[in-house]
Protein backbone atom coordinates (compact mmCIF):
# COMPACT_ATOMS: atom_id res chain seq x y z
CA MET A 1 0.20 -0.22 -0.06
CA LYS A 2 3.00 2.65 0.98
CA ASN A 3 4.25 1.69 -2.53
CA LEU A 4 1.01 2.11 -4.32
CA ASN A 5 0.64 5.52 -2.53
CA LYS A 6 4.11 6.87 -3.09
CA ASN A 7 3.62 5.55 -7.25
CA LEU A 8 0.21 7.31 -7.04
CA LEU A 9 1.79 10.79 -6.01
CA THR A 10 4.53 10.96 -7.92
CA ILE A 11 2.24 10.49 -11.02
CA SER A 12 -0.33 13.10 -9.51
CA MET A 13 2.95 15.05 -9.15
CA ALA A 14 3.68 14.45 -13.46
CA SER A 15 0.34 15.51 -14.01
CA VAL A 16 0.42 18.57 -12.06
CA ALA A 17 4.03 19.77 -13.60
CA LEU A 18 2.65 18.89 -17.06
CA MET A 19 -0.52 20.70 -16.53
CA VAL A 20 1.70 23.84 -15.58
CA ALA A 21 4.34 23.59 -17.91
CA ALA A 22 1.36 23.54 -20.61
CA SER A 23 -0.02 26.61 -19.26
CA GLN A 24 3.07 28.47 -19.32
CA SER A 25 3.52 27.43 -22.79
CA ALA A 26 0.29 29.34 -23.46
CA PHE A 27 0.79 32.08 -21.36
CA ALA A 28 3.95 32.74 -23.15
CA HIS A 29 2.65 33.35 -26.53
CA THR A 30 1.25 36.45 -27.68
CA ARG A 31 -2.70 35.98 -27.34
CA LEU A 32 -5.81 37.74 -27.68
CA THR A 33 -7.36 37.86 -23.98
CA VAL A 34 -10.51 37.57 -25.17
CA PRO A 35 -10.02 35.20 -28.40
CA VAL A 36 -13.84 34.07 -28.81
CA SER A 37 -17.42 35.55 -29.82
CA PRO A 38 -20.90 34.62 -30.82
CA GLU A 39 -21.71 35.81 -33.94
CA SER A 40 -24.33 38.98 -34.10
CA SER A 41 -25.67 41.44 -37.01
CA ALA A 42 -25.94 43.78 -34.62
CA ALA A 43 -24.31 46.86 -36.29
CA HIS A 44 -23.15 48.35 -33.03
CA GLY A 45 -21.90 45.30 -31.47
CA THR A 46 -18.15 44.72 -30.46
CA THR A 47 -16.05 42.47 -28.04
CA THR A 48 -13.32 44.20 -26.04
CA THR A 49 -10.07 42.49 -26.35
CA ALA A 50 -6.95 42.96 -26.16
CA VAL A 51 -3.35 42.15 -27.78
CA ASN A 52 -1.84 40.26 -24.86
CA ILE A 53 2.20 40.36 -24.92
CA PRO A 54 3.62 38.07 -22.11
CA HIS A 55 7.55 38.70 -22.95
CA GLY A 56 10.42 39.95 -24.84
CA CYS A 57 12.45 38.90 -28.03
CA GLY A 58 14.84 36.65 -25.62
CA ASP A 59 16.13 39.34 -23.33
CA ASN A 60 15.40 42.33 -25.12
CA SER A 61 12.52 44.82 -24.16
CA VAL A 62 9.21 45.02 -26.63
CA ILE A 63 9.50 48.94 -28.55
CA GLY A 64 6.38 48.41 -30.75
CA ASN A 65 3.74 46.06 -31.79
CA VAL A 66 2.07 45.32 -35.02
CA PHE A 67 -1.49 44.04 -35.03
CA PHE A 68 -4.02 43.47 -38.47
CA LEU A 69 -7.16 41.32 -38.97
CA PRO A 70 -7.40 39.72 -42.23
CA ASP A 71 -8.44 42.06 -45.69
CA THR A 72 -11.29 39.88 -46.68
CA ASN A 73 -10.83 40.86 -50.25
CA SER A 74 -7.81 39.21 -50.47
CA ALA A 75 -7.55 36.79 -47.79
CA LEU A 76 -6.59 32.90 -47.65
CA VAL A 77 -9.65 31.17 -47.09
CA GLN A 78 -9.19 27.26 -45.93
CA THR A 79 -12.52 24.59 -44.49
CA SER A 80 -12.39 22.37 -42.15
CA ALA A 81 -14.80 19.22 -41.60
CA ASN A 82 -13.45 17.34 -39.03
CA ASN A 83 -12.79 19.89 -35.96
CA PHE A 84 -9.41 22.17 -37.16
CA GLU A 85 -7.66 18.36 -37.63
CA THR A 86 -7.14 19.17 -41.47
CA PHE A 87 -7.68 21.88 -44.03
CA GLU A 88 -8.39 22.31 -47.49
CA ALA A 89 -8.06 25.73 -49.38
CA ALA A 90 -11.93 26.84 -50.68
CA GLU A 91 -11.97 26.68 -54.43
CA GLY A 92 -13.85 29.19 -55.79
CA GLU A 93 -14.59 31.13 -52.66
CA ASN A 94 -13.63 34.16 -50.75
CA ALA A 95 -13.98 35.25 -46.86
CA LEU A 96 -17.43 37.00 -48.24
CA SER A 97 -18.83 33.72 -49.08
CA TYR A 98 -18.72 32.44 -45.42
CA ILE A 99 -19.25 36.07 -43.36
CA VAL A 100 -22.24 38.51 -44.17
CA ASN A 101 -19.39 41.22 -43.29
CA PRO A 102 -15.78 41.47 -42.02
CA PRO A 103 -14.64 42.57 -38.48
CA PHE A 104 -12.87 45.75 -37.95
CA ILE A 105 -11.37 47.19 -34.91
CA ARG A 106 -11.66 50.47 -32.47
CA ILE A 107 -8.54 51.25 -30.55
CA ILE A 108 -8.95 51.78 -26.99
CA LYS A 109 -7.39 54.91 -26.05
CA SER A 110 -4.30 53.78 -23.83
CA ARG A 111 -0.80 54.82 -23.00
CA ASP A 112 -0.62 51.98 -20.62
CA VAL A 113 2.87 50.77 -23.10
CA PHE A 114 2.99 52.22 -25.82
CA GLU A 115 3.02 56.24 -26.08
CA HIS A 116 1.92 56.55 -30.11
CA THR A 117 -0.93 54.01 -31.89
CA GLU A 118 -1.41 54.48 -35.85
CA PHE A 119 -4.67 52.44 -37.59
CA ILE A 120 -3.77 50.32 -40.49
CA ASN A 121 -6.54 50.71 -42.73
CA ASP A 122 -7.39 48.59 -45.66
CA SER A 123 -8.19 50.46 -49.58
CA LEU A 124 -11.37 51.96 -48.51
CA GLY A 125 -9.93 53.46 -44.90
CA ASN A 126 -11.58 50.97 -43.03
CA PRO A 127 -9.13 49.64 -39.44
CA LEU A 128 -8.25 46.52 -39.94
CA GLY A 129 -5.66 46.48 -36.92
CA PHE A 130 -2.59 49.61 -35.97
CA TRP A 131 0.89 49.58 -34.80
CA ALA A 132 1.86 51.07 -31.82
CA GLY A 133 5.39 52.49 -30.12
CA GLY A 134 7.11 55.13 -28.62
CA GLY A 135 7.37 52.81 -25.40
CA GLU A 136 9.33 49.62 -23.87
CA LEU A 137 7.74 46.34 -22.35
CA PRO A 138 10.53 44.38 -20.49
CA ALA A 139 11.54 41.54 -21.67
CA GLN A 140 10.92 39.04 -18.84
CA ASN A 141 8.12 39.34 -15.60
CA TRP A 142 6.17 41.98 -17.19
CA VAL A 143 2.94 41.78 -19.36
CA GLY A 144 1.82 44.21 -21.90
CA GLN A 145 -1.81 44.96 -22.74
CA LEU A 146 -3.11 46.87 -26.27
CA PRO A 147 -6.89 47.11 -25.84
CA ILE A 148 -9.23 47.16 -28.99
CA ASN A 149 -12.84 46.57 -30.04
CA ILE A 150 -13.29 44.05 -32.84
CA THR A 151 -16.42 44.91 -34.54
CA ALA A 152 -19.85 42.51 -34.59
CA VAL A 153 -19.42 39.43 -37.78
CA ALA A 154 -22.88 37.97 -38.82
CA ILE A 155 -21.87 34.32 -40.81
CA GLN A 156 -23.64 34.04 -44.10
CA PRO A 157 -26.91 32.17 -43.75
CA ASP A 158 -26.58 29.93 -46.91
CA SER A 159 -23.31 29.00 -46.13
CA CYS A 160 -22.05 25.39 -44.05
CA ALA A 161 -19.68 27.59 -41.26
CA ARG A 162 -20.81 26.61 -37.74
CA LYS A 163 -17.54 28.74 -36.45
CA VAL A 164 -15.21 31.19 -38.55
CA VAL A 165 -11.88 31.59 -36.92
CA PHE A 166 -9.96 34.68 -38.03
CA VAL A 167 -5.95 34.85 -38.03
CA PRO A 168 -4.66 38.17 -37.49
CA ALA A 169 -0.92 38.65 -37.69
CA ILE A 170 1.00 40.39 -35.13
CA ALA A 171 4.60 41.48 -34.41
CA ASN A 172 6.32 42.13 -30.85
CA ILE A 173 9.03 44.70 -32.20
CA CYS A 174 12.58 44.53 -29.85
CA LYS A 175 14.95 46.29 -32.46
CA ILE A 176 14.74 48.16 -35.30
CA THR A 177 16.70 46.75 -37.95
CA PRO A 178 17.03 46.23 -41.38
CA MET A 179 14.83 42.90 -43.00
CA THR A 180 18.24 41.38 -43.78
CA GLU A 181 17.91 40.87 -39.82
CA ILE A 182 15.13 39.23 -39.63
CA ASN A 183 14.91 35.67 -40.14
CA SER A 184 10.60 34.94 -39.38
CA GLN A 185 11.46 31.25 -39.36
CA ASP A 186 13.61 31.95 -36.11
CA PRO A 187 12.00 31.62 -33.05
CA ASP A 188 14.81 32.89 -30.98
CA ASN A 189 15.31 36.41 -32.95
CA PRO A 190 16.31 38.15 -30.85
CA ASN A 191 14.76 41.32 -33.36
CA VAL A 192 11.40 40.49 -33.09
CA ASP A 193 8.59 37.74 -32.72
CA PHE A 194 5.81 36.66 -34.70
CA TRP A 195 2.73 35.62 -34.48
CA THR A 196 1.80 34.89 -38.06
CA ALA A 197 0.16 31.99 -40.35
CA PRO A 198 2.69 29.85 -41.40
CA ASP A 199 3.34 28.74 -45.35
CA VAL A 200 1.68 31.82 -46.50
CA GLY A 201 4.61 32.76 -48.80
CA SER A 202 5.26 36.69 -46.85
CA SER A 203 8.71 37.45 -45.48
CA TYR A 204 6.72 37.35 -42.13
CA ASP A 205 5.97 33.97 -41.71
CA SER A 206 5.95 32.42 -38.55
CA PRO A 207 7.44 28.84 -38.11
CA SER A 208 4.72 26.55 -37.69
CA TRP A 209 0.59 26.93 -36.51
CA SER A 210 1.45 26.75 -32.84
CA TYR A 211 2.59 30.79 -33.46
CA PRO A 212 -0.22 32.76 -34.45
CA ALA A 213 -3.46 33.69 -31.96
CA THR A 214 -7.00 33.58 -33.30
CA TYR A 215 -10.57 35.45 -32.70
CA THR A 216 -13.45 32.99 -33.69
CA VAL A 217 -16.59 33.86 -34.25
CA GLU A 218 -19.52 31.24 -33.84
CA ARG A 219 -22.46 31.17 -35.02
CA ASP A 220 -25.86 31.55 -33.63
CA LEU A 221 -27.17 28.66 -34.00
CA ALA A 222 -30.28 29.52 -32.71
CA ASN A 223 -31.44 32.54 -34.71
CA ASN A 224 -29.10 31.54 -37.80
CA PRO A 225 -29.65 27.53 -38.05
CA LEU A 226 -27.40 25.77 -40.16
CA PRO A 227 -28.80 24.28 -43.80
CA GLU A 228 -30.14 20.84 -43.46
CA SER A 229 -27.34 19.83 -46.31
CA CYS A 230 -24.31 21.00 -44.74
CA GLY A 231 -24.38 18.24 -41.59
CA ASP A 232 -22.22 19.31 -38.83
CA GLY A 233 -20.86 22.36 -40.59
CA LEU A 234 -17.65 23.68 -41.70
CA ASP A 235 -15.16 25.38 -39.35
CA VAL A 236 -13.82 27.95 -41.84
CA ARG A 237 -10.39 29.42 -41.26
CA ILE A 238 -9.62 32.97 -42.96
CA ILE A 239 -5.61 34.30 -43.13
CA PRO A 240 -4.49 37.60 -44.36
CA SER A 241 -2.70 37.12 -47.74
CA ALA A 242 1.01 37.22 -48.89
CA ALA A 243 0.25 40.34 -50.30
CA GLN A 244 -1.64 41.77 -47.38
CA MET A 245 1.55 40.44 -44.58
CA ASP A 246 3.85 42.65 -47.12
CA ARG A 247 1.58 46.00 -47.30
CA ASP A 248 0.86 46.34 -43.73
CA MET A 249 3.57 44.41 -41.60
CA PRO A 250 6.17 47.03 -42.68
CA VAL A 251 5.82 50.69 -40.02
CA LYS A 252 5.56 53.66 -41.77
CA ILE A 253 5.11 57.34 -40.30
CA ASN A 254 4.26 60.45 -42.83
CA GLY A 255 4.79 57.84 -45.61
CA SER A 256 8.63 56.49 -44.77
CA GLN A 257 9.17 53.26 -44.06
CA VAL A 258 10.76 53.14 -40.23
CA TRP A 259 10.73 49.42 -39.56
CA PRO A 260 12.25 47.35 -41.12
CA GLY A 261 15.20 49.44 -41.13
CA GLU A 262 15.62 49.51 -44.71
CA GLY A 263 13.48 48.17 -48.21
CA ASP A 264 9.89 47.67 -49.04
CA GLY A 265 9.18 44.40 -46.17
CA HIS A 266 10.34 41.73 -49.06
CA THR A 267 13.21 40.02 -48.57
CA ASP A 268 15.37 39.20 -51.66
CA HIS A 269 15.32 34.99 -52.23
CA SER A 270 16.74 35.59 -56.00
CA HIS A 271 20.23 34.24 -54.75
CA ASP A 272 19.22 32.00 -52.41
CA GLU A 273 20.10 28.35 -53.07
């Protein structure tokens, strides 16, 4: 009995350690404080959330942040019928095949972390995101939160979408460097942390799907039921395109690019072997 109790205690302690490790891993990622919202057709409806920054780039403090939602005019769209285990490209469809309206943001004024904030807009002037700078978040033991509202999204009644997952692009900037010193595939890059989708084809793609944050809109099945032909429905993922990433990730002030520190935000791969 003594050995049994000892073994049970060991297993229990191991389980707690695993849960703590998993929890710490989740908290170590840049995420939205409120990542899920029910769908709504209310024009005034918003979800209050914040970009949560839990650490710097290694030992370097965060001196700026970029955040933006997918531009539905060019976004990549993927669907999953097996609860996100696998995804397929939604051939012949775009974001508005699954949502009635795109989400936009409203910045909640705060200077808790950064002094200066500017909107990132689509071609029509709608606010998709922001960049912020003029401050500093220490590399360890501090958490920064950049508060925003995300406007309500309604899901297309005729679609089979049971939930729509928007994948924002986020960068925590720790040092102003040229593009030649930025490797988005390096998880330990001391200059910048990217929390973006992988395999998009931009210079800012993260190494894997463990990196990007998500913002999920869940279908209101009581007021907007799935069509009978949809069965259990689909999960839909909407991702910024490479063109949007290269357009919206660089930080510009009065038309002049300040980050990355030179060039137009593209990496020249013409001499890669």
